[in-house]
């Protein structure tokens, strides 16, 4: 079974199965958040690229307006009105360039923020995946140890003469199950 993929082989233990389902749900939510952030970053990159083109276009418009103003100045005696109009266009183009530059700067900041956000989410998801992987390993190890202890206790009881309590002569108190639980507790693993 994949760590967080769909599977028909959940644990038979209802408590472990519940934890497995919660962990799988958390993983899907993390992936959904990551996908959403990647989509936002892609949209921000597209908007940023578009703003760069808009600034370039505005620069070309400004260059054309300046050229037109020079031509109009040469023909000022014949076309004072054309000259005034060109000056107005130049000022308008300069304002447009400034507005586009400000917009580009804002989009650049937004893009950087989204990149940082994506990086943080990727690191958080990697950490959460590791924590979940460790938790599942501990749960499965504890379940296997408990099953081995029960099987061992049953085998000793059925082999002949061992007390049904599972306490063989000279055995440590608590039997194999106690040793398994003590080993799990000594490792510092939280019981689930």
N, C-alpha and C. Protein backbone atom coordinates (compact mmCIF):
# COMPACT_ATOMS: atom_id res chain seq x y z
N UNK A 1 0.85 -1.19 0.00
CA UNK A 1 0.00 0.00 0.00
C UNK A 1 0.88 1.22 0.00
N UNK A 2 0.59 2.20 -0.85
CA UNK A 2 1.30 3.47 -0.85
C UNK A 2 0.98 4.19 0.45
N UNK A 3 1.83 5.10 0.82
CA UNK A 3 1.64 5.77 2.10
C UNK A 3 0.27 6.43 2.20
N UNK A 4 -0.12 7.17 1.17
CA UNK A 4 -1.37 7.92 1.26
C UNK A 4 -2.31 7.63 0.10
N UNK A 5 -2.05 6.60 -0.66
CA UNK A 5 -2.92 6.25 -1.78
C UNK A 5 -4.12 5.47 -1.30
N UNK A 6 -5.05 5.27 -2.20
CA UNK A 6 -6.24 4.48 -1.89
C UNK A 6 -5.80 3.03 -1.76
N UNK A 7 -6.38 2.30 -0.85
CA UNK A 7 -6.04 0.90 -0.70
C UNK A 7 -7.20 0.17 -0.07
N UNK A 8 -7.31 -1.09 -0.41
CA UNK A 8 -8.34 -1.92 0.20
C UNK A 8 -7.79 -2.63 1.43
N UNK A 9 -6.51 -2.42 1.75
CA UNK A 9 -5.88 -3.17 2.82
C UNK A 9 -5.60 -2.28 4.02
N UNK A 10 -6.64 -1.76 4.63
CA UNK A 10 -6.47 -1.04 5.89
C UNK A 10 -6.25 -2.08 6.99
N UNK A 11 -5.71 -1.65 8.08
CA UNK A 11 -5.46 -2.53 9.21
C UNK A 11 -6.79 -3.09 9.73
N UNK A 12 -6.72 -4.29 10.31
CA UNK A 12 -7.92 -4.88 10.89
C UNK A 12 -8.27 -4.23 12.22
N UNK A 13 -7.30 -3.61 12.85
CA UNK A 13 -7.53 -2.95 14.13
C UNK A 13 -8.30 -1.64 13.88
N UNK A 14 -9.49 -1.48 14.47
CA UNK A 14 -10.29 -0.27 14.20
C UNK A 14 -9.59 1.02 14.61
N UNK A 15 -8.83 1.00 15.70
CA UNK A 15 -8.13 2.22 16.12
C UNK A 15 -7.05 2.60 15.12
N UNK A 16 -6.30 1.60 14.69
CA UNK A 16 -5.24 1.87 13.70
C UNK A 16 -5.85 2.30 12.38
N UNK A 17 -6.94 1.65 11.99
CA UNK A 17 -7.60 2.02 10.74
C UNK A 17 -8.08 3.47 10.79
N UNK A 18 -8.60 3.90 11.95
CA UNK A 18 -9.06 5.29 12.09
C UNK A 18 -7.88 6.25 11.93
N UNK A 19 -6.75 5.93 12.56
CA UNK A 19 -5.56 6.79 12.45
C UNK A 19 -5.07 6.83 11.00
N UNK A 20 -5.09 5.66 10.34
CA UNK A 20 -4.67 5.62 8.92
C UNK A 20 -5.56 6.52 8.06
N UNK A 21 -6.85 6.49 8.31
CA UNK A 21 -7.77 7.33 7.53
C UNK A 21 -7.53 8.81 7.79
N UNK A 22 -7.29 9.19 9.06
CA UNK A 22 -7.02 10.59 9.40
C UNK A 22 -5.74 11.06 8.72
N UNK A 23 -4.72 10.21 8.76
CA UNK A 23 -3.43 10.57 8.15
C UNK A 23 -3.59 10.71 6.65
N UNK A 24 -4.32 9.81 6.02
CA UNK A 24 -4.54 9.91 4.57
C UNK A 24 -5.29 11.19 4.23
N UNK A 25 -6.27 11.57 5.06
CA UNK A 25 -7.02 12.81 4.82
C UNK A 25 -6.12 14.03 4.93
N UNK A 26 -5.25 14.04 5.96
CA UNK A 26 -4.31 15.15 6.12
C UNK A 26 -3.40 15.28 4.91
N UNK A 27 -2.95 14.14 4.41
CA UNK A 27 -2.07 14.16 3.24
C UNK A 27 -2.79 14.74 2.03
N UNK A 28 -4.04 14.34 1.83
CA UNK A 28 -4.80 14.88 0.68
C UNK A 28 -5.00 16.38 0.82
N UNK A 29 -5.26 16.85 2.05
CA UNK A 29 -5.44 18.29 2.25
C UNK A 29 -4.14 19.05 1.99
N UNK A 30 -3.02 18.49 2.45
CA UNK A 30 -1.72 19.12 2.17
C UNK A 30 -1.48 19.21 0.68
N UNK A 31 -1.77 18.11 -0.04
CA UNK A 31 -1.56 18.10 -1.50
C UNK A 31 -2.47 19.13 -2.17
N UNK A 32 -3.71 19.23 -1.68
CA UNK A 32 -4.65 20.20 -2.26
C UNK A 32 -4.14 21.63 -2.06
N UNK A 33 -3.65 21.93 -0.85
CA UNK A 33 -3.09 23.26 -0.59
C UNK A 33 -1.88 23.54 -1.46
N UNK A 34 -1.04 22.53 -1.62
CA UNK A 34 0.16 22.69 -2.47
C UNK A 34 -0.24 22.95 -3.92
N UNK A 35 -1.20 22.18 -4.42
CA UNK A 35 -1.66 22.38 -5.80
C UNK A 35 -2.24 23.78 -5.99
N UNK A 36 -3.00 24.25 -4.99
CA UNK A 36 -3.61 25.58 -5.08
C UNK A 36 -2.52 26.66 -5.12
N UNK A 37 -1.49 26.49 -4.29
CA UNK A 37 -0.39 27.47 -4.24
C UNK A 37 0.38 27.47 -5.55
N UNK A 38 0.60 26.28 -6.13
CA UNK A 38 1.30 26.20 -7.42
C UNK A 38 0.48 26.90 -8.49
N UNK A 39 -0.83 26.71 -8.45
CA UNK A 39 -1.70 27.37 -9.43
C UNK A 39 -1.65 28.89 -9.27
N UNK A 40 -1.67 29.36 -8.00
CA UNK A 40 -1.57 30.80 -7.75
C UNK A 40 -0.24 31.36 -8.26
N UNK A 41 0.83 30.61 -8.03
CA UNK A 41 2.15 31.04 -8.50
C UNK A 41 2.18 31.13 -10.02
N UNK A 42 1.58 30.15 -10.68
CA UNK A 42 1.54 30.17 -12.14
C UNK A 42 0.76 31.38 -12.65
N UNK A 43 -0.36 31.67 -12.01
CA UNK A 43 -1.15 32.84 -12.41
C UNK A 43 -0.37 34.13 -12.19
N UNK A 44 0.35 34.20 -11.06
CA UNK A 44 1.14 35.40 -10.77
C UNK A 44 2.26 35.57 -11.79
N UNK A 45 2.88 34.46 -12.19
CA UNK A 45 3.95 34.54 -13.19
C UNK A 45 3.40 35.03 -14.53
N UNK A 46 2.22 34.54 -14.90
CA UNK A 46 1.61 34.99 -16.16
C UNK A 46 1.29 36.48 -16.11
N UNK A 47 0.73 36.92 -14.98
CA UNK A 47 0.40 38.35 -14.84
C UNK A 47 1.66 39.20 -14.86
N UNK A 48 2.72 38.69 -14.24
CA UNK A 48 3.99 39.43 -14.22
C UNK A 48 4.56 39.53 -15.63
N UNK A 49 4.55 38.43 -16.37
CA UNK A 49 5.06 38.46 -17.75
C UNK A 49 4.24 39.41 -18.62
N UNK A 50 2.94 39.43 -18.39
CA UNK A 50 2.07 40.33 -19.15
C UNK A 50 2.39 41.79 -18.83
N UNK A 51 2.68 42.05 -17.55
CA UNK A 51 3.00 43.44 -17.17
C UNK A 51 4.33 43.88 -17.78
N UNK A 52 5.27 42.96 -17.91
CA UNK A 52 6.55 43.29 -18.54
C UNK A 52 6.32 43.69 -20.00
N UNK A 53 5.47 42.93 -20.68
CA UNK A 53 5.16 43.27 -22.08
C UNK A 53 4.45 44.61 -22.17
N UNK A 54 3.58 44.87 -21.19
CA UNK A 54 2.84 46.14 -21.20
C UNK A 54 3.79 47.33 -21.00
N UNK A 55 4.79 47.15 -20.13
CA UNK A 55 5.77 48.22 -19.92
C UNK A 55 6.56 48.46 -21.20
N UNK A 56 6.95 47.38 -21.85
CA UNK A 56 7.71 47.51 -23.11
C UNK A 56 6.87 48.22 -24.17
N UNK A 57 5.62 47.84 -24.23
CA UNK A 57 4.73 48.48 -25.20
C UNK A 57 4.56 49.96 -24.88
N UNK A 58 4.44 50.27 -23.59
CA UNK A 58 4.29 51.66 -23.19
C UNK A 58 5.54 52.47 -23.54
N UNK A 59 6.72 51.85 -23.39
CA UNK A 59 7.97 52.51 -23.78
C UNK A 59 7.98 52.82 -25.28
N UNK A 60 7.52 51.85 -26.07
CA UNK A 60 7.46 52.09 -27.51
C UNK A 60 6.49 53.23 -27.84
N UNK A 61 5.37 53.25 -27.12
CA UNK A 61 4.41 54.32 -27.32
C UNK A 61 5.01 55.67 -26.94
N UNK A 62 5.79 55.68 -25.85
CA UNK A 62 6.44 56.90 -25.44
C UNK A 62 7.45 57.36 -26.48
N UNK A 63 8.24 56.44 -26.99
CA UNK A 63 9.22 56.78 -28.03
C UNK A 63 8.53 57.39 -29.26
N UNK A 64 7.41 56.78 -29.64
CA UNK A 64 6.67 57.30 -30.80
C UNK A 64 6.11 58.70 -30.52
N UNK A 65 5.61 58.89 -29.28
CA UNK A 65 5.05 60.19 -28.93
C UNK A 65 6.13 61.28 -28.94
N UNK A 66 7.32 60.95 -28.45
CA UNK A 66 8.43 61.90 -28.45
C UNK A 66 8.83 62.25 -29.88
N UNK A 67 8.89 61.23 -30.73
CA UNK A 67 9.25 61.46 -32.14
C UNK A 67 8.21 62.36 -32.81
N UNK A 68 6.98 62.09 -32.52
CA UNK A 68 5.91 62.89 -33.12
C UNK A 68 5.99 64.35 -32.63
N UNK A 69 6.34 64.51 -31.34
CA UNK A 69 6.48 65.86 -30.78
C UNK A 69 7.60 66.63 -31.47
N UNK A 70 8.72 65.94 -31.77
CA UNK A 70 9.83 66.61 -32.47
C UNK A 70 9.42 67.04 -33.87
N UNK A 71 8.72 66.16 -34.55
CA UNK A 71 8.25 66.52 -35.89
C UNK A 71 7.29 67.70 -35.83
N UNK A 72 6.43 67.69 -34.83
CA UNK A 72 5.47 68.78 -34.71
C UNK A 72 6.17 70.10 -34.38
N UNK A 73 7.26 70.02 -33.58
CA UNK A 73 8.00 71.23 -33.23
C UNK A 73 8.62 71.87 -34.47
N UNK A 74 9.11 71.02 -35.40
CA UNK A 74 9.70 71.55 -36.63
C UNK A 74 8.65 72.27 -37.48
N UNK A 75 7.42 71.77 -37.39
CA UNK A 75 6.37 72.37 -38.20
C UNK A 75 5.46 73.24 -37.37
N UNK A 76 6.03 73.82 -36.30
CA UNK A 76 5.22 74.60 -35.35
C UNK A 76 4.53 75.78 -36.03
N UNK A 77 5.23 76.43 -36.96
CA UNK A 77 4.62 77.56 -37.64
C UNK A 77 3.37 77.14 -38.40
N UNK A 78 3.38 75.91 -38.88
CA UNK A 78 2.23 75.45 -39.66
C UNK A 78 1.22 74.67 -38.81
N UNK A 79 1.68 74.09 -37.69
CA UNK A 79 0.76 73.20 -36.98
C UNK A 79 0.93 73.30 -35.47
N UNK A 80 0.65 74.46 -34.90
CA UNK A 80 0.76 74.64 -33.45
C UNK A 80 -0.19 73.68 -32.71
N UNK A 81 -1.35 73.48 -33.29
CA UNK A 81 -2.33 72.57 -32.67
C UNK A 81 -1.79 71.14 -32.63
N UNK A 82 -1.15 70.70 -33.70
CA UNK A 82 -0.59 69.34 -33.74
C UNK A 82 0.49 69.18 -32.69
N UNK A 83 1.30 70.23 -32.52
CA UNK A 83 2.36 70.20 -31.51
C UNK A 83 1.79 70.05 -30.10
N UNK A 84 0.76 70.82 -29.78
CA UNK A 84 0.13 70.72 -28.45
C UNK A 84 -0.44 69.33 -28.21
N UNK A 85 -1.04 68.78 -29.25
CA UNK A 85 -1.63 67.44 -29.14
C UNK A 85 -0.54 66.40 -28.88
N UNK A 86 0.59 66.54 -29.56
CA UNK A 86 1.68 65.58 -29.36
C UNK A 86 2.24 65.67 -27.95
N UNK A 87 2.36 66.90 -27.42
CA UNK A 87 2.83 67.07 -26.04
C UNK A 87 1.87 66.37 -25.08
N UNK A 88 0.61 66.54 -25.32
CA UNK A 88 -0.39 65.89 -24.47
C UNK A 88 -0.25 64.36 -24.53
N UNK A 89 -0.04 63.85 -25.74
CA UNK A 89 0.16 62.40 -25.89
C UNK A 89 1.42 61.92 -25.17
N UNK A 90 2.47 62.73 -25.25
CA UNK A 90 3.72 62.37 -24.58
C UNK A 90 3.52 62.29 -23.07
N UNK A 91 2.84 63.29 -22.51
CA UNK A 91 2.60 63.29 -21.07
C UNK A 91 1.74 62.10 -20.64
N UNK A 92 0.75 61.83 -21.47
CA UNK A 92 -0.12 60.69 -21.18
C UNK A 92 0.68 59.39 -21.23
N UNK A 93 1.57 59.27 -22.22
CA UNK A 93 2.38 58.07 -22.34
C UNK A 93 3.34 57.94 -21.16
N UNK A 94 3.91 59.06 -20.71
CA UNK A 94 4.80 59.02 -19.55
C UNK A 94 4.07 58.56 -18.30
N UNK A 95 2.85 59.07 -18.14
CA UNK A 95 2.04 58.64 -16.99
C UNK A 95 1.74 57.14 -17.09
N UNK A 96 1.44 56.71 -18.31
CA UNK A 96 1.14 55.29 -18.51
C UNK A 96 2.35 54.44 -18.17
N UNK A 97 3.54 54.88 -18.61
CA UNK A 97 4.77 54.13 -18.29
C UNK A 97 4.95 54.05 -16.78
N UNK A 98 4.75 55.17 -16.09
CA UNK A 98 4.94 55.17 -14.64
C UNK A 98 3.95 54.25 -13.95
N UNK A 99 2.70 54.31 -14.40
CA UNK A 99 1.67 53.44 -13.81
C UNK A 99 2.01 51.98 -14.05
N UNK A 100 2.43 51.66 -15.27
CA UNK A 100 2.78 50.27 -15.61
C UNK A 100 3.99 49.81 -14.80
N UNK A 101 4.96 50.70 -14.58
CA UNK A 101 6.13 50.33 -13.78
C UNK A 101 5.72 50.04 -12.34
N UNK A 102 4.84 50.89 -11.80
CA UNK A 102 4.38 50.66 -10.43
C UNK A 102 3.63 49.33 -10.34
N UNK A 103 2.80 49.06 -11.35
CA UNK A 103 2.05 47.81 -11.37
C UNK A 103 3.00 46.62 -11.46
N UNK A 104 4.01 46.74 -12.30
CA UNK A 104 5.00 45.66 -12.43
C UNK A 104 5.71 45.42 -11.10
N UNK A 105 6.07 46.50 -10.40
CA UNK A 105 6.76 46.37 -9.10
C UNK A 105 5.87 45.65 -8.09
N UNK A 106 4.58 46.02 -8.07
CA UNK A 106 3.66 45.35 -7.15
C UNK A 106 3.53 43.87 -7.49
N UNK A 107 3.44 43.55 -8.78
CA UNK A 107 3.32 42.15 -9.18
C UNK A 107 4.60 41.38 -8.87
N UNK A 108 5.73 42.01 -9.00
CA UNK A 108 7.01 41.38 -8.66
C UNK A 108 7.06 41.01 -7.18
N UNK A 109 6.60 41.95 -6.32
CA UNK A 109 6.57 41.66 -4.88
C UNK A 109 5.61 40.52 -4.59
N UNK A 110 4.45 40.53 -5.23
CA UNK A 110 3.46 39.48 -5.04
C UNK A 110 4.02 38.13 -5.49
N UNK A 111 4.73 38.14 -6.60
CA UNK A 111 5.33 36.92 -7.13
C UNK A 111 6.36 36.36 -6.15
N UNK A 112 7.18 37.21 -5.60
CA UNK A 112 8.18 36.76 -4.63
C UNK A 112 7.51 36.18 -3.39
N UNK A 113 6.45 36.85 -2.95
CA UNK A 113 5.73 36.35 -1.77
C UNK A 113 5.14 34.97 -2.05
N UNK A 114 4.56 34.80 -3.23
CA UNK A 114 3.98 33.50 -3.58
C UNK A 114 5.06 32.43 -3.71
N UNK A 115 6.24 32.80 -4.20
CA UNK A 115 7.34 31.84 -4.26
C UNK A 115 7.76 31.40 -2.86
N UNK A 116 7.86 32.38 -1.95
CA UNK A 116 8.22 32.04 -0.57
C UNK A 116 7.14 31.15 0.06
N UNK A 117 5.89 31.49 -0.21
CA UNK A 117 4.77 30.72 0.31
C UNK A 117 4.83 29.28 -0.19
N UNK A 118 5.11 29.11 -1.48
CA UNK A 118 5.21 27.77 -2.05
C UNK A 118 6.35 27.00 -1.40
N UNK A 119 7.48 27.66 -1.23
CA UNK A 119 8.63 27.00 -0.62
C UNK A 119 8.29 26.55 0.80
N UNK A 120 7.63 27.44 1.57
CA UNK A 120 7.24 27.09 2.94
C UNK A 120 6.27 25.92 2.95
N UNK A 121 5.29 25.93 2.06
CA UNK A 121 4.32 24.84 2.01
C UNK A 121 4.98 23.52 1.63
N UNK A 122 5.93 23.58 0.67
CA UNK A 122 6.62 22.35 0.27
C UNK A 122 7.42 21.80 1.45
N UNK A 123 8.10 22.67 2.19
CA UNK A 123 8.87 22.22 3.35
C UNK A 123 7.95 21.66 4.44
N UNK A 124 6.84 22.35 4.67
CA UNK A 124 5.89 21.89 5.68
C UNK A 124 5.30 20.53 5.30
N UNK A 125 4.97 20.38 4.03
CA UNK A 125 4.39 19.10 3.57
C UNK A 125 5.41 17.98 3.72
N UNK A 126 6.66 18.24 3.33
CA UNK A 126 7.71 17.21 3.46
C UNK A 126 7.87 16.81 4.93
N UNK A 127 7.86 17.79 5.82
CA UNK A 127 7.97 17.49 7.26
C UNK A 127 6.76 16.69 7.73
N UNK A 128 5.56 17.11 7.35
CA UNK A 128 4.34 16.40 7.76
C UNK A 128 4.31 14.98 7.22
N UNK A 129 4.76 14.80 5.97
CA UNK A 129 4.82 13.45 5.40
C UNK A 129 5.76 12.57 6.23
N UNK A 130 6.90 13.13 6.63
CA UNK A 130 7.87 12.37 7.43
C UNK A 130 7.27 12.00 8.78
N UNK A 131 6.58 12.96 9.42
CA UNK A 131 5.95 12.69 10.72
C UNK A 131 4.90 11.58 10.58
N UNK A 132 4.09 11.69 9.54
CA UNK A 132 3.06 10.66 9.32
C UNK A 132 3.67 9.30 9.05
N UNK A 133 4.74 9.27 8.26
CA UNK A 133 5.42 8.02 7.94
C UNK A 133 5.95 7.38 9.22
N UNK A 134 6.55 8.19 10.08
CA UNK A 134 7.09 7.69 11.34
C UNK A 134 5.97 7.17 12.24
N UNK A 135 4.87 7.93 12.30
CA UNK A 135 3.74 7.53 13.13
C UNK A 135 3.16 6.19 12.66
N UNK A 136 3.01 6.03 11.36
CA UNK A 136 2.49 4.76 10.82
C UNK A 136 3.44 3.61 11.12
N UNK A 137 4.74 3.85 10.96
CA UNK A 137 5.72 2.80 11.25
C UNK A 137 5.63 2.37 12.70
N UNK A 138 5.49 3.34 13.60
CA UNK A 138 5.40 3.02 15.03
C UNK A 138 4.12 2.25 15.32
N UNK A 139 3.02 2.67 14.74
CA UNK A 139 1.74 1.99 14.97
C UNK A 139 1.81 0.55 14.48
N UNK A 140 2.35 0.36 13.28
CA UNK A 140 2.43 -0.99 12.73
C UNK A 140 3.40 -1.86 13.53
N UNK A 141 4.50 -1.26 14.00
CA UNK A 141 5.46 -2.01 14.80
C UNK A 141 4.82 -2.43 16.13
N UNK A 142 4.07 -1.54 16.75
CA UNK A 142 3.40 -1.87 18.01
C UNK A 142 2.36 -2.96 17.81
N UNK A 143 1.61 -2.85 16.72
CA UNK A 143 0.59 -3.86 16.43
C UNK A 143 1.24 -5.22 16.18
N UNK A 144 2.35 -5.23 15.44
CA UNK A 144 3.05 -6.48 15.15
C UNK A 144 3.61 -7.08 16.43
N UNK A 145 4.18 -6.25 17.32
CA UNK A 145 4.74 -6.73 18.58
C UNK A 145 3.64 -7.33 19.45
N UNK A 146 2.50 -6.67 19.50
CA UNK A 146 1.38 -7.18 20.31
C UNK A 146 0.88 -8.50 19.74
N UNK A 147 0.80 -8.61 18.42
CA UNK A 147 0.36 -9.85 17.79
C UNK A 147 1.36 -10.96 18.06
N UNK A 148 2.66 -10.66 17.97
CA UNK A 148 3.69 -11.66 18.26
C UNK A 148 3.59 -12.12 19.72
N UNK A 149 3.35 -11.18 20.62
CA UNK A 149 3.24 -11.52 22.04
C UNK A 149 2.05 -12.43 22.27
N UNK A 150 0.92 -12.13 21.65
CA UNK A 150 -0.27 -12.98 21.82
C UNK A 150 -0.02 -14.37 21.24
N UNK A 151 0.60 -14.41 20.07
CA UNK A 151 0.89 -15.68 19.40
C UNK A 151 1.87 -16.50 20.25
N UNK A 152 2.88 -15.86 20.79
CA UNK A 152 3.87 -16.53 21.62
C UNK A 152 3.21 -17.07 22.88
N UNK A 153 2.36 -16.28 23.51
CA UNK A 153 1.67 -16.70 24.71
C UNK A 153 0.76 -17.89 24.41
N UNK A 154 0.09 -17.86 23.30
CA UNK A 154 -0.81 -18.95 22.90
C UNK A 154 0.00 -20.21 22.63
N UNK A 155 1.13 -20.06 21.94
CA UNK A 155 1.98 -21.21 21.60
C UNK A 155 2.51 -21.87 22.88
N UNK A 156 2.94 -21.09 23.86
CA UNK A 156 3.47 -21.65 25.11
C UNK A 156 2.36 -22.36 25.88
N UNK A 157 1.18 -21.80 25.83
CA UNK A 157 0.08 -22.40 26.57
C UNK A 157 -0.34 -23.71 25.93
N UNK A 158 -0.25 -23.81 24.62
CA UNK A 158 -0.71 -25.02 23.93
C UNK A 158 0.38 -26.07 23.81
N UNK A 159 1.65 -25.70 23.98
CA UNK A 159 2.74 -26.66 23.82
C UNK A 159 2.75 -27.64 24.98
N UNK A 160 2.38 -27.25 26.13
CA UNK A 160 2.24 -28.24 27.19
C UNK A 160 2.81 -27.81 28.50
N UNK A 161 1.96 -27.68 29.39
CA UNK A 161 2.38 -27.48 30.75
C UNK A 161 2.59 -26.05 31.16
N UNK A 162 2.76 -25.14 30.23
CA UNK A 162 2.96 -23.75 30.63
C UNK A 162 1.66 -23.19 31.15
N UNK A 163 1.70 -22.40 32.19
CA UNK A 163 0.45 -21.83 32.73
C UNK A 163 -0.25 -20.99 31.66
N UNK A 164 -1.55 -20.96 31.70
CA UNK A 164 -2.36 -20.21 30.74
C UNK A 164 -2.10 -18.73 30.83
N UNK A 165 -1.58 -18.28 31.98
CA UNK A 165 -1.30 -16.84 32.12
C UNK A 165 -0.15 -16.43 31.24
N UNK A 166 0.64 -17.37 30.74
CA UNK A 166 1.74 -17.04 29.85
C UNK A 166 3.01 -16.73 30.60
N UNK A 167 3.03 -16.96 31.94
CA UNK A 167 4.23 -16.66 32.72
C UNK A 167 5.02 -17.95 32.86
N UNK A 168 6.04 -18.14 32.05
CA UNK A 168 6.89 -19.31 32.13
C UNK A 168 7.82 -19.16 33.32
N UNK A 169 8.32 -20.28 33.87
CA UNK A 169 9.24 -20.18 35.01
C UNK A 169 10.47 -19.38 34.60
N UNK A 170 10.83 -18.42 35.40
CA UNK A 170 12.01 -17.60 35.15
C UNK A 170 11.77 -16.48 34.15
N UNK A 171 10.54 -16.37 33.63
CA UNK A 171 10.27 -15.31 32.64
C UNK A 171 10.07 -14.00 33.35
N UNK A 172 10.36 -12.93 32.65
CA UNK A 172 10.18 -11.59 33.23
C UNK A 172 8.72 -11.31 33.41
N UNK A 173 8.34 -10.58 34.44
CA UNK A 173 6.91 -10.26 34.65
C UNK A 173 6.37 -9.54 33.43
N UNK A 174 5.17 -9.92 33.04
CA UNK A 174 4.53 -9.26 31.90
C UNK A 174 4.72 -10.05 30.62
N UNK A 175 5.60 -11.05 30.60
CA UNK A 175 5.77 -11.89 29.42
C UNK A 175 6.28 -11.11 28.23
N UNK A 176 6.12 -11.72 27.04
CA UNK A 176 6.61 -11.10 25.80
C UNK A 176 5.86 -9.82 25.51
N UNK A 177 4.57 -9.80 25.83
CA UNK A 177 3.79 -8.59 25.57
C UNK A 177 4.31 -7.44 26.42
N UNK A 178 4.66 -7.74 27.68
CA UNK A 178 5.21 -6.70 28.54
C UNK A 178 6.54 -6.21 28.04
N UNK A 179 7.37 -7.16 27.54
CA UNK A 179 8.66 -6.76 26.99
C UNK A 179 8.49 -5.92 25.74
N UNK A 180 7.52 -6.32 24.90
CA UNK A 180 7.27 -5.56 23.67
C UNK A 180 6.77 -4.16 24.00
N UNK A 181 5.86 -4.10 24.99
CA UNK A 181 5.35 -2.78 25.37
C UNK A 181 6.44 -1.95 26.04
N UNK A 182 7.29 -2.60 26.83
CA UNK A 182 8.38 -1.87 27.48
C UNK A 182 9.33 -1.34 26.43
N UNK A 183 9.59 -2.16 25.40
CA UNK A 183 10.48 -1.72 24.31
C UNK A 183 9.89 -0.55 23.57
N UNK A 184 8.58 -0.59 23.33
CA UNK A 184 7.94 0.51 22.63
C UNK A 184 7.96 1.76 23.48
N UNK A 185 7.77 1.59 24.80
CA UNK A 185 7.78 2.76 25.69
C UNK A 185 9.17 3.34 25.85
N UNK A 186 10.20 2.46 25.84
CA UNK A 186 11.57 2.94 26.01
C UNK A 186 12.01 3.79 24.83
N UNK A 187 11.46 3.51 23.68
CA UNK A 187 11.82 4.27 22.48
C UNK A 187 11.24 5.66 22.48
N UNK A 188 10.38 5.93 23.44
CA UNK A 188 9.80 7.27 23.51
C UNK A 188 8.65 7.46 22.55
N UNK A 189 8.17 6.37 21.93
CA UNK A 189 7.09 6.53 20.95
C UNK A 189 5.78 6.75 21.68
N UNK A 190 5.01 7.70 21.25
CA UNK A 190 3.71 7.94 21.90
C UNK A 190 2.77 6.79 21.62
N UNK A 191 2.03 6.34 22.64
CA UNK A 191 1.06 5.28 22.38
C UNK A 191 -0.17 5.90 21.76
N UNK A 192 -0.72 5.20 20.78
CA UNK A 192 -1.85 5.74 20.01
C UNK A 192 -3.08 4.98 20.34
